[in-house]
Amino acid sequence: MIRVVFLRTVFAVLVILTARPVSAQELPQATDVTSADIQKFINDLPRDAVSDRPIRIVNVTGNYQVGVWGVFRPKEFLGGANLHEVNTTEIYYMVEGVATLVTGGTLTDSNDLTPGRGIEGGVSRRVTKGDVIIIPGHTAHWFSELETDIEYLIIRTDPDNRFQL
């Protein structure tokens, strides 16, 4: 129940923060993503690799979109360190599992085609079920350790209208 209330609150805040004045003819509609929708989606993701797929993407006000992704990351697959060269902010909500997430700093051993092997000078934190992490665009991020398989949501804002609906 707390998870449902939290998710609805996050969506409400995102809509309020990204809203612009609109006429009565173009009032945006609220979009629900239920706890049952999320759990079914994550349970159906492949378990043999990192699965990061959109659950729902909505156009909230003209050119501004917000999306919710479901992610399953097996313990055996750390993956590389990323830095997205876009204005998209990512908000992680940990659904299940325990991991160490590093943000900020600079990527190590990366190039334009591959993720980094790690992050130098970042902030490391242990994340668990219920935690929320806000990662602004242009910020390096990396799961440096997975104690268990992890499941999480990523809420992505899209001020540049890059998501495909």
N, C-alpha and C. Protein backbone atom coordinates (compact mmCIF):
# COMPACT_ATOMS: atom_id res chain seq x y z
N MET A 1 0.82 -1.19 0.00
CA MET A 1 0.00 0.00 0.00
C MET A 1 0.86 1.26 0.00
N ILE A 2 1.96 1.23 0.79
CA ILE A 2 2.86 2.38 0.83
C ILE A 2 3.45 2.62 -0.55
N ARG A 3 3.80 1.54 -1.25
CA ARG A 3 4.38 1.66 -2.58
C ARG A 3 3.40 2.33 -3.53
N VAL A 4 2.12 1.95 -3.48
CA VAL A 4 1.11 2.55 -4.35
C VAL A 4 0.96 4.03 -4.05
N VAL A 5 0.87 4.38 -2.78
CA VAL A 5 0.74 5.79 -2.39
C VAL A 5 1.97 6.56 -2.84
N PHE A 6 3.15 5.99 -2.64
CA PHE A 6 4.38 6.66 -3.05
C PHE A 6 4.40 6.91 -4.55
N LEU A 7 4.09 5.87 -5.33
CA LEU A 7 4.13 6.01 -6.78
C LEU A 7 3.13 7.06 -7.27
N ARG A 8 1.95 7.07 -6.70
CA ARG A 8 0.97 8.08 -7.09
C ARG A 8 1.45 9.47 -6.73
N THR A 9 2.10 9.60 -5.59
CA THR A 9 2.64 10.90 -5.18
C THR A 9 3.73 11.35 -6.13
N VAL A 10 4.64 10.44 -6.52
CA VAL A 10 5.71 10.79 -7.45
C VAL A 10 5.12 11.27 -8.77
N PHE A 11 4.12 10.55 -9.29
CA PHE A 11 3.51 10.96 -10.55
C PHE A 11 2.85 12.32 -10.42
N ALA A 12 2.16 12.57 -9.33
CA ALA A 12 1.50 13.86 -9.13
C ALA A 12 2.52 14.98 -9.09
N VAL A 13 3.62 14.77 -8.37
CA VAL A 13 4.66 15.80 -8.29
C VAL A 13 5.27 16.06 -9.66
N LEU A 14 5.56 15.00 -10.42
CA LEU A 14 6.13 15.19 -11.75
C LEU A 14 5.20 15.97 -12.66
N VAL A 15 3.92 15.65 -12.62
CA VAL A 15 2.96 16.37 -13.46
C VAL A 15 2.89 17.84 -13.05
N ILE A 16 2.87 18.10 -11.76
CA ILE A 16 2.82 19.49 -11.29
C ILE A 16 4.08 20.25 -11.69
N LEU A 17 5.24 19.63 -11.52
CA LEU A 17 6.50 20.30 -11.83
C LEU A 17 6.68 20.55 -13.32
N THR A 18 6.09 19.72 -14.15
CA THR A 18 6.29 19.86 -15.59
C THR A 18 5.14 20.54 -16.29
N ALA A 19 4.14 20.93 -15.55
CA ALA A 19 2.95 21.52 -16.16
C ALA A 19 3.22 22.92 -16.68
N ARG A 20 2.51 23.27 -17.73
CA ARG A 20 2.50 24.63 -18.25
C ARG A 20 1.03 25.00 -18.42
N PRO A 21 0.70 26.29 -18.50
CA PRO A 21 -0.70 26.65 -18.68
C PRO A 21 -1.26 26.02 -19.95
N VAL A 22 -2.46 25.48 -19.86
CA VAL A 22 -3.13 24.89 -21.02
C VAL A 22 -4.56 25.38 -21.07
N SER A 23 -5.11 25.36 -22.27
CA SER A 23 -6.49 25.78 -22.41
C SER A 23 -7.41 24.64 -21.99
N ALA A 24 -8.68 24.95 -21.81
CA ALA A 24 -9.65 23.94 -21.38
C ALA A 24 -9.74 22.79 -22.37
N GLN A 25 -9.52 23.05 -23.66
CA GLN A 25 -9.62 21.99 -24.67
C GLN A 25 -8.47 20.99 -24.60
N GLU A 26 -7.33 21.39 -24.03
CA GLU A 26 -6.18 20.49 -24.03
C GLU A 26 -5.73 20.07 -22.64
N LEU A 27 -6.65 20.03 -21.69
CA LEU A 27 -6.29 19.60 -20.34
C LEU A 27 -5.77 18.18 -20.35
N PRO A 28 -4.60 17.95 -19.77
CA PRO A 28 -4.05 16.59 -19.74
C PRO A 28 -4.86 15.69 -18.81
N GLN A 29 -4.83 14.42 -19.11
CA GLN A 29 -5.50 13.42 -18.28
C GLN A 29 -4.47 12.74 -17.39
N ALA A 30 -4.89 12.36 -16.21
CA ALA A 30 -4.01 11.60 -15.32
C ALA A 30 -3.82 10.20 -15.89
N THR A 31 -2.69 9.62 -15.61
CA THR A 31 -2.38 8.27 -16.06
C THR A 31 -2.04 7.42 -14.85
N ASP A 32 -2.68 6.28 -14.74
CA ASP A 32 -2.42 5.37 -13.62
C ASP A 32 -1.52 4.23 -14.07
N VAL A 33 -0.59 3.88 -13.21
CA VAL A 33 0.19 2.65 -13.35
C VAL A 33 0.06 1.98 -11.99
N THR A 34 -0.73 0.93 -11.93
CA THR A 34 -1.03 0.31 -10.64
C THR A 34 0.12 -0.58 -10.16
N SER A 35 0.10 -0.86 -8.89
CA SER A 35 1.08 -1.78 -8.31
C SER A 35 1.02 -3.14 -9.01
N ALA A 36 -0.19 -3.60 -9.31
CA ALA A 36 -0.35 -4.88 -10.01
C ALA A 36 0.25 -4.81 -11.41
N ASP A 37 0.04 -3.69 -12.13
CA ASP A 37 0.63 -3.51 -13.46
C ASP A 37 2.15 -3.60 -13.38
N ILE A 38 2.71 -2.91 -12.40
CA ILE A 38 4.17 -2.87 -12.25
C ILE A 38 4.72 -4.25 -11.94
N GLN A 39 4.13 -4.95 -10.97
CA GLN A 39 4.66 -6.25 -10.58
C GLN A 39 4.54 -7.26 -11.72
N LYS A 40 3.42 -7.26 -12.44
CA LYS A 40 3.27 -8.17 -13.58
C LYS A 40 4.32 -7.86 -14.64
N PHE A 41 4.50 -6.58 -14.94
CA PHE A 41 5.47 -6.17 -15.95
C PHE A 41 6.88 -6.64 -15.57
N ILE A 42 7.29 -6.36 -14.34
CA ILE A 42 8.64 -6.75 -13.90
C ILE A 42 8.78 -8.26 -13.86
N ASN A 43 7.76 -8.98 -13.40
CA ASN A 43 7.82 -10.44 -13.36
C ASN A 43 7.96 -11.05 -14.75
N ASP A 44 7.43 -10.37 -15.77
CA ASP A 44 7.49 -10.88 -17.14
C ASP A 44 8.78 -10.52 -17.88
N LEU A 45 9.65 -9.70 -17.27
CA LEU A 45 10.91 -9.33 -17.92
C LEU A 45 11.86 -10.52 -17.97
N PRO A 46 12.69 -10.61 -19.01
CA PRO A 46 13.70 -11.68 -19.07
C PRO A 46 14.61 -11.63 -17.85
N ARG A 47 15.07 -12.81 -17.41
CA ARG A 47 15.89 -12.91 -16.21
C ARG A 47 17.36 -13.17 -16.50
N ASP A 48 17.75 -13.23 -17.78
CA ASP A 48 19.13 -13.59 -18.12
C ASP A 48 20.00 -12.40 -18.51
N ALA A 49 19.49 -11.19 -18.35
CA ALA A 49 20.24 -9.97 -18.67
C ALA A 49 19.53 -8.79 -18.01
N VAL A 50 20.16 -7.62 -18.08
CA VAL A 50 19.49 -6.42 -17.58
C VAL A 50 18.33 -6.12 -18.53
N SER A 51 17.15 -6.00 -17.98
CA SER A 51 15.96 -5.68 -18.76
C SER A 51 15.46 -4.32 -18.31
N ASP A 52 15.48 -3.35 -19.20
CA ASP A 52 15.10 -1.97 -18.92
C ASP A 52 14.11 -1.58 -20.01
N ARG A 53 12.82 -1.69 -19.71
CA ARG A 53 11.80 -1.49 -20.74
C ARG A 53 10.70 -0.55 -20.26
N PRO A 54 10.12 0.22 -21.18
CA PRO A 54 9.07 1.16 -20.78
C PRO A 54 7.77 0.45 -20.41
N ILE A 55 7.20 0.86 -19.29
CA ILE A 55 5.86 0.41 -18.91
C ILE A 55 4.83 1.35 -19.53
N ARG A 56 5.06 2.64 -19.36
CA ARG A 56 4.13 3.65 -19.88
C ARG A 56 4.88 4.95 -20.11
N ILE A 57 4.61 5.60 -21.25
CA ILE A 57 5.13 6.93 -21.55
C ILE A 57 3.94 7.79 -21.92
N VAL A 58 3.86 8.97 -21.32
CA VAL A 58 2.74 9.86 -21.62
C VAL A 58 3.25 11.25 -21.97
N ASN A 59 2.52 11.88 -22.88
CA ASN A 59 2.77 13.28 -23.22
C ASN A 59 1.96 14.09 -22.23
N VAL A 60 2.62 14.79 -21.32
CA VAL A 60 1.89 15.49 -20.26
C VAL A 60 1.48 16.90 -20.64
N THR A 61 2.29 17.59 -21.41
CA THR A 61 1.93 18.95 -21.83
C THR A 61 2.65 19.28 -23.13
N GLY A 62 2.03 19.02 -24.24
CA GLY A 62 2.64 19.38 -25.52
C GLY A 62 3.88 18.58 -25.81
N ASN A 63 5.04 19.20 -25.69
CA ASN A 63 6.30 18.54 -26.02
C ASN A 63 6.99 17.89 -24.84
N TYR A 64 6.36 17.85 -23.69
CA TYR A 64 7.00 17.31 -22.49
C TYR A 64 6.41 15.95 -22.17
N GLN A 65 7.29 14.94 -22.05
CA GLN A 65 6.84 13.58 -21.77
C GLN A 65 7.43 13.08 -20.46
N VAL A 66 6.73 12.14 -19.86
CA VAL A 66 7.21 11.45 -18.66
C VAL A 66 6.97 9.97 -18.89
N GLY A 67 7.95 9.15 -18.54
CA GLY A 67 7.82 7.72 -18.73
C GLY A 67 8.19 6.95 -17.48
N VAL A 68 7.63 5.74 -17.39
CA VAL A 68 7.95 4.82 -16.30
C VAL A 68 8.51 3.55 -16.93
N TRP A 69 9.71 3.18 -16.51
CA TRP A 69 10.36 1.96 -16.99
C TRP A 69 10.43 0.97 -15.84
N GLY A 70 10.31 -0.30 -16.16
CA GLY A 70 10.54 -1.37 -15.21
C GLY A 70 11.89 -2.01 -15.51
N VAL A 71 12.66 -2.29 -14.47
CA VAL A 71 14.00 -2.85 -14.67
C VAL A 71 14.19 -4.07 -13.77
N PHE A 72 14.70 -5.14 -14.38
CA PHE A 72 15.19 -6.29 -13.63
C PHE A 72 16.67 -6.40 -13.93
N ARG A 73 17.49 -6.49 -12.88
CA ARG A 73 18.95 -6.63 -13.05
C ARG A 73 19.40 -7.82 -12.21
N PRO A 74 19.85 -8.91 -12.88
CA PRO A 74 20.32 -10.07 -12.13
C PRO A 74 21.62 -9.77 -11.39
N LYS A 75 21.78 -10.42 -10.26
CA LYS A 75 22.96 -10.22 -9.41
C LYS A 75 24.27 -10.42 -10.18
N GLU A 76 24.26 -11.32 -11.13
CA GLU A 76 25.47 -11.67 -11.86
C GLU A 76 25.87 -10.64 -12.91
N PHE A 77 25.03 -9.62 -13.14
CA PHE A 77 25.31 -8.69 -14.24
C PHE A 77 25.38 -7.25 -13.73
N LEU A 78 26.59 -6.80 -13.40
CA LEU A 78 26.75 -5.42 -12.94
C LEU A 78 26.51 -4.42 -14.06
N GLY A 79 27.05 -4.70 -15.22
CA GLY A 79 26.96 -3.74 -16.31
C GLY A 79 27.98 -2.64 -16.14
N GLY A 80 28.04 -1.76 -17.12
CA GLY A 80 29.01 -0.68 -17.09
C GLY A 80 28.44 0.59 -16.49
N ALA A 81 29.32 1.55 -16.27
CA ALA A 81 28.93 2.86 -15.77
C ALA A 81 28.42 3.70 -16.94
N ASN A 82 27.36 4.45 -16.71
CA ASN A 82 26.72 5.23 -17.76
C ASN A 82 26.74 6.71 -17.46
N LEU A 83 26.70 7.49 -18.52
CA LEU A 83 26.50 8.92 -18.42
C LEU A 83 25.70 9.30 -19.67
N HIS A 84 24.42 9.63 -19.48
CA HIS A 84 23.56 9.96 -20.61
C HIS A 84 23.74 11.43 -20.95
N GLU A 85 24.12 11.72 -22.17
CA GLU A 85 24.35 13.10 -22.62
C GLU A 85 23.05 13.74 -23.07
N VAL A 86 22.05 13.71 -22.19
CA VAL A 86 20.74 14.30 -22.47
C VAL A 86 20.24 14.99 -21.21
N ASN A 87 19.18 15.77 -21.34
CA ASN A 87 18.61 16.51 -20.21
C ASN A 87 17.64 15.67 -19.39
N THR A 88 17.47 14.42 -19.72
CA THR A 88 16.53 13.56 -19.03
C THR A 88 16.99 13.27 -17.60
N THR A 89 16.13 13.57 -16.63
CA THR A 89 16.38 13.21 -15.24
C THR A 89 15.78 11.83 -15.00
N GLU A 90 16.51 10.98 -14.29
CA GLU A 90 16.00 9.65 -13.94
C GLU A 90 15.75 9.61 -12.44
N ILE A 91 14.60 9.08 -12.06
CA ILE A 91 14.26 8.88 -10.66
C ILE A 91 14.11 7.38 -10.45
N TYR A 92 15.01 6.79 -9.66
CA TYR A 92 14.96 5.36 -9.38
C TYR A 92 14.13 5.13 -8.12
N TYR A 93 13.24 4.14 -8.20
CA TYR A 93 12.50 3.68 -7.02
C TYR A 93 12.78 2.20 -6.88
N MET A 94 13.46 1.81 -5.81
CA MET A 94 13.85 0.42 -5.61
C MET A 94 12.64 -0.40 -5.17
N VAL A 95 12.27 -1.38 -5.98
CA VAL A 95 11.13 -2.25 -5.69
C VAL A 95 11.56 -3.44 -4.84
N GLU A 96 12.68 -4.07 -5.22
CA GLU A 96 13.21 -5.24 -4.50
C GLU A 96 14.72 -5.26 -4.62
N GLY A 97 15.39 -5.83 -3.63
CA GLY A 97 16.81 -6.09 -3.71
C GLY A 97 17.68 -5.08 -2.99
N VAL A 98 18.99 -5.38 -3.03
CA VAL A 98 20.00 -4.56 -2.34
C VAL A 98 21.20 -4.40 -3.28
N ALA A 99 21.68 -3.16 -3.41
CA ALA A 99 22.80 -2.89 -4.30
C ALA A 99 23.56 -1.67 -3.81
N THR A 100 24.73 -1.45 -4.40
CA THR A 100 25.50 -0.22 -4.17
C THR A 100 25.45 0.58 -5.47
N LEU A 101 24.96 1.81 -5.37
CA LEU A 101 24.85 2.70 -6.52
C LEU A 101 25.82 3.86 -6.35
N VAL A 102 26.60 4.11 -7.39
CA VAL A 102 27.55 5.22 -7.40
C VAL A 102 27.04 6.26 -8.40
N THR A 103 27.03 7.54 -7.99
CA THR A 103 26.61 8.61 -8.89
C THR A 103 27.62 9.75 -8.84
N GLY A 104 27.65 10.53 -9.92
CA GLY A 104 28.57 11.66 -10.01
C GLY A 104 29.95 11.20 -10.41
N GLY A 105 30.92 12.09 -10.33
CA GLY A 105 32.28 11.74 -10.70
C GLY A 105 32.44 11.59 -12.20
N THR A 106 33.49 10.87 -12.60
CA THR A 106 33.77 10.67 -14.02
C THR A 106 33.89 9.18 -14.33
N LEU A 107 33.49 8.82 -15.55
CA LEU A 107 33.58 7.44 -15.99
C LEU A 107 35.05 7.06 -16.19
N THR A 108 35.38 5.81 -15.89
CA THR A 108 36.73 5.30 -16.14
C THR A 108 36.69 4.35 -17.32
N ASP A 109 37.72 4.39 -18.15
CA ASP A 109 37.87 3.49 -19.30
C ASP A 109 36.62 3.45 -20.17
N SER A 110 36.11 4.60 -20.55
CA SER A 110 34.93 4.64 -21.42
C SER A 110 35.28 5.34 -22.73
N ASN A 111 34.44 5.12 -23.72
CA ASN A 111 34.54 5.87 -24.97
C ASN A 111 33.12 6.11 -25.48
N ASP A 112 32.99 6.68 -26.64
CA ASP A 112 31.67 7.02 -27.16
C ASP A 112 30.79 5.80 -27.43
N LEU A 113 31.39 4.63 -27.57
CA LEU A 113 30.63 3.44 -27.94
C LEU A 113 30.37 2.48 -26.79
N THR A 114 31.12 2.59 -25.71
CA THR A 114 30.96 1.63 -24.61
C THR A 114 30.83 2.34 -23.27
N PRO A 115 30.11 1.72 -22.34
CA PRO A 115 30.02 2.28 -20.99
C PRO A 115 31.39 2.23 -20.31
N GLY A 116 31.53 2.97 -19.22
CA GLY A 116 32.77 2.93 -18.46
C GLY A 116 32.87 1.67 -17.62
N ARG A 117 34.09 1.38 -17.16
CA ARG A 117 34.29 0.23 -16.27
C ARG A 117 33.95 0.57 -14.83
N GLY A 118 33.83 1.86 -14.55
CA GLY A 118 33.52 2.31 -13.20
C GLY A 118 33.41 3.81 -13.17
N ILE A 119 33.42 4.35 -11.94
CA ILE A 119 33.33 5.79 -11.73
C ILE A 119 34.40 6.19 -10.74
N GLU A 120 35.10 7.26 -11.05
CA GLU A 120 36.10 7.82 -10.15
C GLU A 120 35.55 9.12 -9.57
N GLY A 121 35.63 9.24 -8.23
CA GLY A 121 35.22 10.48 -7.58
C GLY A 121 33.72 10.63 -7.38
N GLY A 122 32.97 9.54 -7.49
CA GLY A 122 31.52 9.61 -7.30
C GLY A 122 31.12 9.39 -5.85
N VAL A 123 29.82 9.45 -5.61
CA VAL A 123 29.25 9.20 -4.28
C VAL A 123 28.63 7.81 -4.29
N SER A 124 29.04 6.97 -3.35
CA SER A 124 28.56 5.59 -3.26
C SER A 124 27.53 5.49 -2.14
N ARG A 125 26.44 4.75 -2.42
CA ARG A 125 25.41 4.55 -1.40
C ARG A 125 24.80 3.16 -1.57
N ARG A 126 24.42 2.56 -0.45
CA ARG A 126 23.71 1.28 -0.46
C ARG A 126 22.23 1.59 -0.64
N VAL A 127 21.59 0.94 -1.60
CA VAL A 127 20.17 1.17 -1.87
C VAL A 127 19.39 -0.12 -1.64
N THR A 128 18.20 0.03 -1.07
CA THR A 128 17.34 -1.11 -0.76
C THR A 128 15.90 -0.77 -1.10
N LYS A 129 15.04 -1.77 -0.94
CA LYS A 129 13.62 -1.62 -1.23
C LYS A 129 13.06 -0.34 -0.61
N GLY A 130 12.36 0.44 -1.44
CA GLY A 130 11.72 1.66 -0.98
C GLY A 130 12.55 2.92 -1.15
N ASP A 131 13.85 2.78 -1.44
CA ASP A 131 14.70 3.96 -1.62
C ASP A 131 14.40 4.66 -2.95
N VAL A 132 14.60 5.98 -2.96
CA VAL A 132 14.43 6.79 -4.16
C VAL A 132 15.73 7.56 -4.39
N ILE A 133 16.21 7.54 -5.64
CA ILE A 133 17.42 8.25 -6.01
C ILE A 133 17.11 9.09 -7.24
N ILE A 134 17.43 10.39 -7.20
CA ILE A 134 17.21 11.28 -8.33
C ILE A 134 18.55 11.52 -9.02
N ILE A 135 18.61 11.17 -10.31
CA ILE A 135 19.85 11.28 -11.08
C ILE A 135 19.62 12.27 -12.22
N PRO A 136 20.14 13.49 -12.10
CA PRO A 136 19.96 14.48 -13.17
C PRO A 136 20.65 14.03 -14.47
N GLY A 137 20.19 14.55 -15.60
CA GLY A 137 20.86 14.30 -16.86
C GLY A 137 22.33 14.69 -16.76
N HIS A 138 23.18 14.06 -17.57
CA HIS A 138 24.61 14.36 -17.62
C HIS A 138 25.33 13.95 -16.33
N THR A 139 24.74 13.04 -15.55
CA THR A 139 25.35 12.57 -14.30
C THR A 139 25.73 11.10 -14.44
N ALA A 140 26.99 10.78 -14.18
CA ALA A 140 27.45 9.39 -14.24
C ALA A 140 26.72 8.58 -13.16
N HIS A 141 26.40 7.31 -13.49
CA HIS A 141 25.77 6.43 -12.51
C HIS A 141 26.10 4.98 -12.85
N TRP A 142 26.17 4.15 -11.76
CA TRP A 142 26.65 2.78 -11.93
C TRP A 142 26.35 1.97 -10.68
N PHE A 143 25.82 0.77 -10.89
CA PHE A 143 25.68 -0.18 -9.78
C PHE A 143 27.02 -0.89 -9.65
N SER A 144 27.78 -0.57 -8.62
CA SER A 144 29.11 -1.14 -8.43
C SER A 144 29.07 -2.51 -7.76
N GLU A 145 27.97 -2.81 -7.07
CA GLU A 145 27.81 -4.10 -6.41
C GLU A 145 26.34 -4.45 -6.33
N LEU A 146 26.03 -5.70 -6.60
CA LEU A 146 24.67 -6.22 -6.43
C LEU A 146 24.72 -7.33 -5.39
N GLU A 147 24.08 -7.11 -4.25
CA GLU A 147 24.02 -8.15 -3.22
C GLU A 147 22.98 -9.19 -3.57
N THR A 148 21.96 -8.78 -4.31
CA THR A 148 20.87 -9.66 -4.75
C THR A 148 20.47 -9.22 -6.15
N ASP A 149 19.59 -9.99 -6.79
CA ASP A 149 18.91 -9.47 -7.98
C ASP A 149 18.18 -8.21 -7.53
N ILE A 150 18.05 -7.23 -8.42
CA ILE A 150 17.29 -6.03 -8.05
C ILE A 150 16.20 -5.76 -9.08
N GLU A 151 15.11 -5.19 -8.58
CA GLU A 151 14.00 -4.72 -9.40
C GLU A 151 13.78 -3.27 -9.02
N TYR A 152 13.64 -2.42 -10.03
CA TYR A 152 13.40 -1.02 -9.73
C TYR A 152 12.64 -0.35 -10.86
N LEU A 153 12.03 0.75 -10.53
CA LEU A 153 11.37 1.59 -11.52
C LEU A 153 12.28 2.76 -11.82
N ILE A 154 12.24 3.21 -13.07
CA ILE A 154 12.89 4.46 -13.44
C ILE A 154 11.81 5.37 -13.99
N ILE A 155 11.65 6.51 -13.36
CA ILE A 155 10.74 7.52 -13.88
C ILE A 155 11.63 8.52 -14.59
N ARG A 156 11.41 8.67 -15.88
CA ARG A 156 12.25 9.54 -16.70
C ARG A 156 11.44 10.72 -17.20
N THR A 157 11.95 11.93 -16.97
CA THR A 157 11.34 13.12 -17.54
C THR A 157 12.00 13.36 -18.90
N ASP A 158 11.25 13.91 -19.82
CA ASP A 158 11.75 14.10 -21.19
C ASP A 158 11.45 15.51 -21.69
N PRO A 159 12.24 16.50 -21.25
CA PRO A 159 11.98 17.87 -21.68
C PRO A 159 12.29 18.11 -23.16
N ASP A 160 13.03 17.21 -23.79
CA ASP A 160 13.43 17.39 -25.18
C ASP A 160 12.59 16.55 -26.15
N ASN A 161 11.54 15.89 -25.63
CA ASN A 161 10.61 15.12 -26.47
C ASN A 161 11.34 14.03 -27.28
N ARG A 162 12.21 13.27 -26.62
CA ARG A 162 12.99 12.24 -27.29
C ARG A 162 12.36 10.85 -27.21
N PHE A 163 11.50 10.61 -26.22
CA PHE A 163 10.89 9.29 -26.06
C PHE A 163 9.93 9.01 -27.21
N GLN A 164 9.86 7.75 -27.60
CA GLN A 164 8.88 7.35 -28.61
C GLN A 164 7.63 6.87 -27.91
N LEU A 165 6.50 7.47 -28.26
CA LEU A 165 5.22 7.07 -27.64
C LEU A 165 4.71 5.81 -28.28
